[in-house]
Structures are given as C-alpha cells and as structure tokens.
PDB file of N, CA and C in Angstrom:
ATOM      1  N   UNK A   1       7.989   6.497   8.977  1.00  0.00           N
ATOM      2  CA  UNK A   1       6.776   6.105   9.647  1.00  0.00           C
ATOM      3  C   UNK A   1       7.109   5.579  11.030  1.00  0.00           C
ATOM      4  N   UNK A   2       6.337   5.975  11.997  1.00  0.00           N
ATOM      5  CA  UNK A   2       6.547   5.585  13.379  1.00  0.00           C
ATOM      6  C   UNK A   2       6.071   4.159  13.613  1.00  0.00           C
ATOM      7  N   UNK A   3       6.592   3.535  14.698  1.00  0.00           N
ATOM      8  CA  UNK A   3       6.129   2.205  15.069  1.00  0.00           C
ATOM      9  C   UNK A   3       4.759   2.265  15.736  1.00  0.00           C
ATOM     10  N   UNK A   4       4.392   3.443  16.253  1.00  0.00           N
ATOM     11  CA  UNK A   4       3.087   3.607  16.881  1.00  0.00           C
ATOM     12  C   UNK A   4       2.039   3.866  15.809  1.00  0.00           C
ATOM     13  N   UNK A   5       0.802   3.366  16.022  1.00  0.00           N
ATOM     14  CA  UNK A   5      -0.264   3.665  15.057  1.00  0.00           C
ATOM     15  C   UNK A   5      -0.541   5.165  15.001  1.00  0.00           C
ATOM     16  N   UNK A   6      -0.986   5.626  13.867  1.00  0.00           N
ATOM     17  CA  UNK A   6      -1.315   7.043  13.694  1.00  0.00           C
ATOM     18  C   UNK A   6      -2.482   7.414  14.606  1.00  0.00           C
ATOM     19  N   UNK A   7      -2.411   8.583  15.164  1.00  0.00           N
ATOM     20  CA  UNK A   7      -3.494   9.071  16.016  1.00  0.00           C
ATOM     21  C   UNK A   7      -4.619   9.632  15.145  1.00  0.00           C
ATOM     22  N   UNK A   8      -5.784   9.815  15.742  1.00  0.00           N
ATOM     23  CA  UNK A   8      -6.908  10.421  15.022  1.00  0.00           C
ATOM     24  C   UNK A   8      -6.509  11.795  14.495  1.00  0.00           C
ATOM     25  N   UNK A   9      -5.725  12.523  15.290  1.00  0.00           N
ATOM     26  CA  UNK A   9      -5.300  13.864  14.877  1.00  0.00           C
ATOM     27  C   UNK A   9      -4.383  13.806  13.662  1.00  0.00           C
ATOM     28  N   UNK A  10      -3.487  12.814  13.634  1.00  0.00           N
ATOM     29  CA  UNK A  10      -2.590  12.671  12.484  1.00  0.00           C
ATOM     30  C   UNK A  10      -3.369  12.271  11.228  1.00  0.00           C
ATOM     31  N   UNK A  11      -4.349  11.400  11.400  1.00  0.00           N
ATOM     32  CA  UNK A  11      -5.171  10.988  10.260  1.00  0.00           C
ATOM     33  C   UNK A  11      -6.002  12.165   9.775  1.00  0.00           C
ATOM     34  N   UNK A  12      -6.531  12.962  10.713  1.00  0.00           N
ATOM     35  CA  UNK A  12      -7.304  14.153  10.340  1.00  0.00           C
ATOM     36  C   UNK A  12      -6.427  15.143   9.586  1.00  0.00           C
ATOM     37  N   UNK A  13      -5.177  15.302  10.024  1.00  0.00           N
ATOM     38  CA  UNK A  13      -4.267  16.223   9.345  1.00  0.00           C
ATOM     39  C   UNK A  13      -3.945  15.728   7.935  1.00  0.00           C
ATOM     40  N   UNK A  14      -3.738  14.424   7.779  1.00  0.00           N
ATOM     41  CA  UNK A  14      -3.456  13.864   6.452  1.00  0.00           C
ATOM     42  C   UNK A  14      -4.667  14.022   5.537  1.00  0.00           C
ATOM     43  N   UNK A  15      -5.862  13.804   6.081  1.00  0.00           N
ATOM     44  CA  UNK A  15      -7.080  13.972   5.279  1.00  0.00           C
ATOM     45  C   UNK A  15      -7.242  15.427   4.860  1.00  0.00           C
ATOM     46  N   UNK A  16      -6.983  16.352   5.782  1.00  0.00           N
ATOM     47  CA  UNK A  16      -7.106  17.772   5.457  1.00  0.00           C
ATOM     48  C   UNK A  16      -6.090  18.168   4.392  1.00  0.00           C
ATOM     49  N   UNK A  17      -4.886  17.649   4.496  1.00  0.00           N
ATOM     50  CA  UNK A  17      -3.846  17.941   3.514  1.00  0.00           C
ATOM     51  C   UNK A  17      -4.253  17.436   2.124  1.00  0.00           C
ATOM     52  N   UNK A  18      -4.985  16.322   2.098  1.00  0.00           N
ATOM     53  CA  UNK A  18      -5.453  15.765   0.833  1.00  0.00           C
ATOM     54  C   UNK A  18      -6.747  16.433   0.354  1.00  0.00           C
ATOM     55  N   UNK A  19      -7.272  17.357   1.162  1.00  0.00           N
ATOM     56  CA  UNK A  19      -8.495  18.055   0.778  1.00  0.00           C
ATOM     57  C   UNK A  19      -9.756  17.247   1.018  1.00  0.00           C
ATOM     58  N   UNK A  20      -9.672  16.270   1.915  1.00  0.00           N
ATOM     59  CA  UNK A  20     -10.819  15.417   2.215  1.00  0.00           C
ATOM     60  C   UNK A  20     -11.557  15.970   3.430  1.00  0.00           C
ATOM     61  N   UNK A  21     -12.831  16.274   3.242  1.00  0.00           N
ATOM     62  CA  UNK A  21     -13.680  16.718   4.340  1.00  0.00           C
ATOM     63  C   UNK A  21     -14.787  15.696   4.506  1.00  0.00           C
ATOM     64  N   UNK A  22     -14.879  15.086   5.676  1.00  0.00           N
ATOM     65  CA  UNK A  22     -15.853  14.024   5.910  1.00  0.00           C
ATOM     66  C   UNK A  22     -16.729  14.338   7.112  1.00  0.00           C
ATOM     67  N   UNK A  23     -17.991  13.902   7.080  1.00  0.00           N
ATOM     68  CA  UNK A  23     -18.814  13.992   8.280  1.00  0.00           C
ATOM     69  C   UNK A  23     -18.247  13.042   9.342  1.00  0.00           C
ATOM     70  N   UNK A  24     -18.551  13.271  10.613  1.00  0.00           N
ATOM     71  CA  UNK A  24     -17.950  12.460  11.690  1.00  0.00           C
ATOM     72  C   UNK A  24     -18.084  10.947  11.511  1.00  0.00           C
ATOM     73  N   UNK A  25     -19.249  10.465  11.069  1.00  0.00           N
ATOM     74  CA  UNK A  25     -19.418   9.012  10.936  1.00  0.00           C
ATOM     75  C   UNK A  25     -18.518   8.441   9.839  1.00  0.00           C
ATOM     76  N   UNK A  26     -18.287   9.197   8.782  1.00  0.00           N
ATOM     77  CA  UNK A  26     -17.371   8.739   7.735  1.00  0.00           C
ATOM     78  C   UNK A  26     -15.915   8.877   8.165  1.00  0.00           C
ATOM     79  N   UNK A  27     -15.640   9.880   8.959  1.00  0.00           N
ATOM     80  CA  UNK A  27     -14.268  10.028   9.460  1.00  0.00           C
ATOM     81  C   UNK A  27     -13.912   8.837  10.345  1.00  0.00           C
ATOM     82  N   UNK A  28     -14.861   8.360  11.154  1.00  0.00           N
ATOM     83  CA  UNK A  28     -14.609   7.176  11.978  1.00  0.00           C
ATOM     84  C   UNK A  28     -14.264   5.974  11.102  1.00  0.00           C
ATOM     85  N   UNK A  29     -14.942   5.843   9.964  1.00  0.00           N
ATOM     86  CA  UNK A  29     -14.631   4.756   9.031  1.00  0.00           C
ATOM     87  C   UNK A  29     -13.241   4.930   8.429  1.00  0.00           C
ATOM     88  N   UNK A  30     -12.875   6.167   8.131  1.00  0.00           N
ATOM     89  CA  UNK A  30     -11.539   6.437   7.593  1.00  0.00           C
ATOM     90  C   UNK A  30     -10.470   6.042   8.605  1.00  0.00           C
ATOM     91  N   UNK A  31     -10.676   6.407   9.861  1.00  0.00           N
ATOM     92  CA  UNK A  31      -9.712   6.066  10.916  1.00  0.00           C
ATOM     93  C   UNK A  31      -9.588   4.549  11.031  1.00  0.00           C
ATOM     94  N   UNK A  32     -10.717   3.851  11.063  1.00  0.00           N
ATOM     95  CA  UNK A  32     -10.702   2.393  11.167  1.00  0.00           C
ATOM     96  C   UNK A  32      -9.986   1.771   9.965  1.00  0.00           C
ATOM     97  N   UNK A  33     -10.286   2.257   8.782  1.00  0.00           N
ATOM     98  CA  UNK A  33      -9.663   1.731   7.569  1.00  0.00           C
ATOM     99  C   UNK A  33      -8.159   1.988   7.549  1.00  0.00           C
ATOM    100  N   UNK A  34      -7.766   3.203   7.931  1.00  0.00           N
ATOM    101  CA  UNK A  34      -6.342   3.533   7.915  1.00  0.00           C
ATOM    102  C   UNK A  34      -5.576   2.662   8.905  1.00  0.00           C
ATOM    103  N   UNK A  35      -6.161   2.419  10.053  1.00  0.00           N
ATOM    104  CA  UNK A  35      -5.476   1.593  11.052  1.00  0.00           C
ATOM    105  C   UNK A  35      -5.334   0.156  10.596  1.00  0.00           C
ATOM    106  N   UNK A  36      -6.223  -0.297   9.712  1.00  0.00           N
ATOM    107  CA  UNK A  36      -6.096  -1.657   9.178  1.00  0.00           C
ATOM    108  C   UNK A  36      -5.048  -1.715   8.058  1.00  0.00           C
ATOM    109  N   UNK A  37      -4.920  -0.653   7.301  1.00  0.00           N
ATOM    110  CA  UNK A  37      -3.984  -0.646   6.176  1.00  0.00           C
ATOM    111  C   UNK A  37      -2.577  -0.189   6.584  1.00  0.00           C
ATOM    112  N   UNK A  38      -2.472   0.471   7.712  1.00  0.00           N
ATOM    113  CA  UNK A  38      -1.178   1.023   8.148  1.00  0.00           C
ATOM    114  C   UNK A  38      -0.079  -0.031   8.242  1.00  0.00           C
ATOM    115  N   UNK A  39      -0.330  -1.230   8.805  1.00  0.00           N
ATOM    116  CA  UNK A  39       0.746  -2.238   8.827  1.00  0.00           C
ATOM    117  C   UNK A  39       1.211  -2.632   7.425  1.00  0.00           C
ATOM    118  N   UNK A  40       0.299  -2.659   6.465  1.00  0.00           N
ATOM    119  CA  UNK A  40       0.661  -2.989   5.077  1.00  0.00           C
ATOM    120  C   UNK A  40       1.563  -1.898   4.512  1.00  0.00           C
ATOM    121  N   UNK A  41       1.219  -0.646   4.781  1.00  0.00           N
ATOM    122  CA  UNK A  41       2.042   0.468   4.300  1.00  0.00           C
ATOM    123  C   UNK A  41       3.452   0.401   4.866  1.00  0.00           C
ATOM    124  N   UNK A  42       3.569   0.022   6.126  1.00  0.00           N
ATOM    125  CA  UNK A  42       4.900  -0.079   6.746  1.00  0.00           C
ATOM    126  C   UNK A  42       5.731  -1.169   6.084  1.00  0.00           C
ATOM    127  N   UNK A  43       5.096  -2.301   5.753  1.00  0.00           N
ATOM    128  CA  UNK A  43       5.841  -3.383   5.089  1.00  0.00           C
ATOM    129  C   UNK A  43       6.265  -2.976   3.684  1.00  0.00           C
ATOM    130  N   UNK A  44       5.422  -2.226   2.993  1.00  0.00           N
ATOM    131  CA  UNK A  44       5.738  -1.820   1.623  1.00  0.00           C
ATOM    132  C   UNK A  44       6.897  -0.837   1.567  1.00  0.00           C
ATOM    133  N   UNK A  45       7.085  -0.052   2.595  1.00  0.00           N
ATOM    134  CA  UNK A  45       8.112   0.993   2.578  1.00  0.00           C
ATOM    135  C   UNK A  45       9.480   0.494   3.015  1.00  0.00           C
ATOM    136  N   UNK A  46       9.632  -0.790   3.228  1.00  0.00           N
ATOM    137  CA  UNK A  46      10.929  -1.325   3.599  1.00  0.00           C
ATOM    138  C   UNK A  46      11.863  -1.273   2.397  1.00  0.00           C
ATOM    139  N   UNK A  47      13.137  -1.099   2.692  1.00  0.00           N
ATOM    140  CA  UNK A  47      14.130  -1.098   1.616  1.00  0.00           C
ATOM    141  C   UNK A  47      14.225  -2.507   1.031  1.00  0.00           C
ATOM    142  N   UNK A  48      14.263  -2.585  -0.245  1.00  0.00           N
ATOM    143  CA  UNK A  48      14.366  -3.867  -0.925  1.00  0.00           C
ATOM    144  C   UNK A  48      15.484  -3.792  -1.967  1.00  0.00           C
ATOM    145  N   UNK A  49      16.052  -4.934  -2.256  1.00  0.00           N
ATOM    146  CA  UNK A  49      17.108  -4.998  -3.258  1.00  0.00           C
ATOM    147  C   UNK A  49      16.513  -4.756  -4.639  1.00  0.00           C
ATOM    148  N   UNK A  50      17.295  -4.182  -5.521  1.00  0.00           N
ATOM    149  CA  UNK A  50      16.841  -3.878  -6.877  1.00  0.00           C
ATOM    150  C   UNK A  50      16.340  -5.143  -7.578  1.00  0.00           C
ATOM    151  N   UNK A  51      16.981  -6.258  -7.333  1.00  0.00           N
ATOM    152  CA  UNK A  51      16.599  -7.513  -7.957  1.00  0.00           C
ATOM    153  C   UNK A  51      15.253  -8.047  -7.490  1.00  0.00           C
ATOM    154  N   UNK A  52      14.720  -7.521  -6.401  1.00  0.00           N
ATOM    155  CA  UNK A  52      13.417  -7.952  -5.908  1.00  0.00           C
ATOM    156  C   UNK A  52      12.263  -7.258  -6.624  1.00  0.00           C
ATOM    157  N   UNK A  53      12.559  -6.368  -7.517  1.00  0.00           N
ATOM    158  CA  UNK A  53      11.525  -5.683  -8.289  1.00  0.00           C
ATOM    159  C   UNK A  53      10.810  -6.721  -9.148  1.00  0.00           C
ATOM    160  N   UNK A  54       9.465  -6.787  -9.095  1.00  0.00           N
ATOM    161  CA  UNK A  54       8.751  -7.803  -9.873  1.00  0.00           C
ATOM    162  C   UNK A  54       9.116  -7.815 -11.356  1.00  0.00           C
ATOM    163  N   UNK A  55       9.405  -6.667 -11.926  1.00  0.00           N
ATOM    164  CA  UNK A  55       9.753  -6.624 -13.346  1.00  0.00           C
ATOM    165  C   UNK A  55      11.042  -7.387 -13.626  1.00  0.00           C
ATOM    166  N   UNK A  56      11.874  -7.558 -12.616  1.00  0.00           N
ATOM    167  CA  UNK A  56      13.136  -8.272 -12.811  1.00  0.00           C
ATOM    168  C   UNK A  56      13.001  -9.761 -12.499  1.00  0.00           C
ATOM    169  N   UNK A  57      11.912 -10.142 -11.842  1.00  0.00           N
ATOM    170  CA  UNK A  57      11.733 -11.532 -11.447  1.00  0.00           C
ATOM    171  C   UNK A  57      10.769 -12.270 -12.374  1.00  0.00           C
ATOM    172  N   UNK A  58       9.999 -11.551 -13.144  1.00  0.00           N
ATOM    173  CA  UNK A  58       8.985 -12.153 -14.012  1.00  0.00           C
ATOM    174  C   UNK A  58       9.611 -12.570 -15.329  1.00  0.00           C
ATOM    175  N   UNK A  59       9.383 -13.812 -15.712  1.00  0.00           N
ATOM    176  CA  UNK A  59       9.906 -14.320 -16.980  1.00  0.00           C
ATOM    177  C   UNK A  59       8.728 -14.739 -17.851  1.00  0.00           C
ATOM    178  N   UNK A  60       8.334 -13.928 -18.842  1.00  0.00           N
ATOM    179  CA  UNK A  60       7.163 -14.251 -19.658  1.00  0.00           C
ATOM    180  C   UNK A  60       7.341 -15.515 -20.491  1.00  0.00           C
ATOM    181  N   UNK A  61       8.580 -15.949 -20.693  1.00  0.00           N
ATOM    182  CA  UNK A  61       8.808 -17.153 -21.500  1.00  0.00           C
ATOM    183  C   UNK A  61       8.189 -18.388 -20.853  1.00  0.00           C
ATOM    184  N   UNK A  62       7.971 -18.348 -19.534  1.00  0.00           N
ATOM    185  CA  UNK A  62       7.356 -19.488 -18.854  1.00  0.00           C
ATOM    186  C   UNK A  62       5.932 -19.710 -19.331  1.00  0.00           C
ATOM    187  N   UNK A  63       5.294 -18.694 -19.884  1.00  0.00           N
ATOM    188  CA  UNK A  63       3.898 -18.790 -20.276  1.00  0.00           C
ATOM    189  C   UNK A  63       3.724 -18.865 -21.797  1.00  0.00           C
ATOM    190  N   UNK A  64       4.817 -18.922 -22.516  1.00  0.00           N
ATOM    191  CA  UNK A  64       4.741 -19.007 -23.972  1.00  0.00           C
ATOM    192  C   UNK A  64       4.645 -20.458 -24.410  1.00  0.00           C
ATOM    193  N   UNK A  65       3.895 -20.728 -25.478  1.00  0.00           N
ATOM    194  CA  UNK A  65       3.841 -22.119 -25.981  1.00  0.00           C
ATOM    195  C   UNK A  65       5.214 -22.533 -26.517  1.00  0.00           C
ATOM    196  N   UNK A  66       5.465 -23.812 -26.466  1.00  0.00           N
ATOM    197  CA  UNK A  66       6.727 -24.330 -26.997  1.00  0.00           C
ATOM    198  C   UNK A  66       6.768 -24.126 -28.511  1.00  0.00           C
ATOM    199  N   UNK A  67       7.916 -23.729 -29.021  1.00  0.00           N
ATOM    200  CA  UNK A  67       8.065 -23.481 -30.454  1.00  0.00           C
ATOM    201  C   UNK A  67       7.900 -24.771 -31.260  1.00  0.00           C
ATOM    202  N   UNK A  68       8.249 -25.935 -30.699  1.00  0.00           N
ATOM    203  CA  UNK A  68       8.189 -27.189 -31.424  1.00  0.00           C
ATOM    204  C   UNK A  68       6.809 -27.812 -31.470  1.00  0.00           C
ATOM    205  N   UNK A  69       5.836 -27.300 -30.744  1.00  0.00           N
ATOM    206  CA  UNK A  69       4.524 -27.945 -30.686  1.00  0.00           C
ATOM    207  C   UNK A  69       3.577 -27.429 -31.763  1.00  0.00           C
ATOM    208  N   UNK A  70       3.988 -26.471 -32.599  1.00  0.00           N
ATOM    209  CA  UNK A  70       3.082 -25.948 -33.638  1.00  0.00           C
ATOM    210  C   UNK A  70       3.327 -26.576 -34.962  1.00  0.00           C
TER     211      UNK A  70
END
C-alpha cells in the first residue's frame, strides 16, 4: 500500500474488480468512506510478532470463578 491516499480512479478500479456498480452519488460516499478507513487498513497490514496475536495474549482463566469459592 502506498503512503499516498488512493485516487478516485484506484477506488473505482477496486470497486469494479469487486463487481460493485454504484450511481455517482453513492460512489462519492464510497470514496469518502474509503479515505476514512484507509489509514486503519495501513495500520492493520503492518508486520507483527507472532506473540502479538490476540489468541496468544488472551487468558480465559482470568474470567473463571475461583475453584475454592463454590
């Protein structure tokens, strides 16, 4: 992903590739929405260590009742 925001043409090409056909007023909303979500997508695609996977950090025992309290 580039550091520059996606152009209208790039967004139109991605929509066409996905089979999305929109009237102009809805396409403007798609462009606006994509430009707001694009920074989030860039952060999500960063390389992360295997140990940062939520499944490896979550400990369900923290939410279990104590065995001695029953």
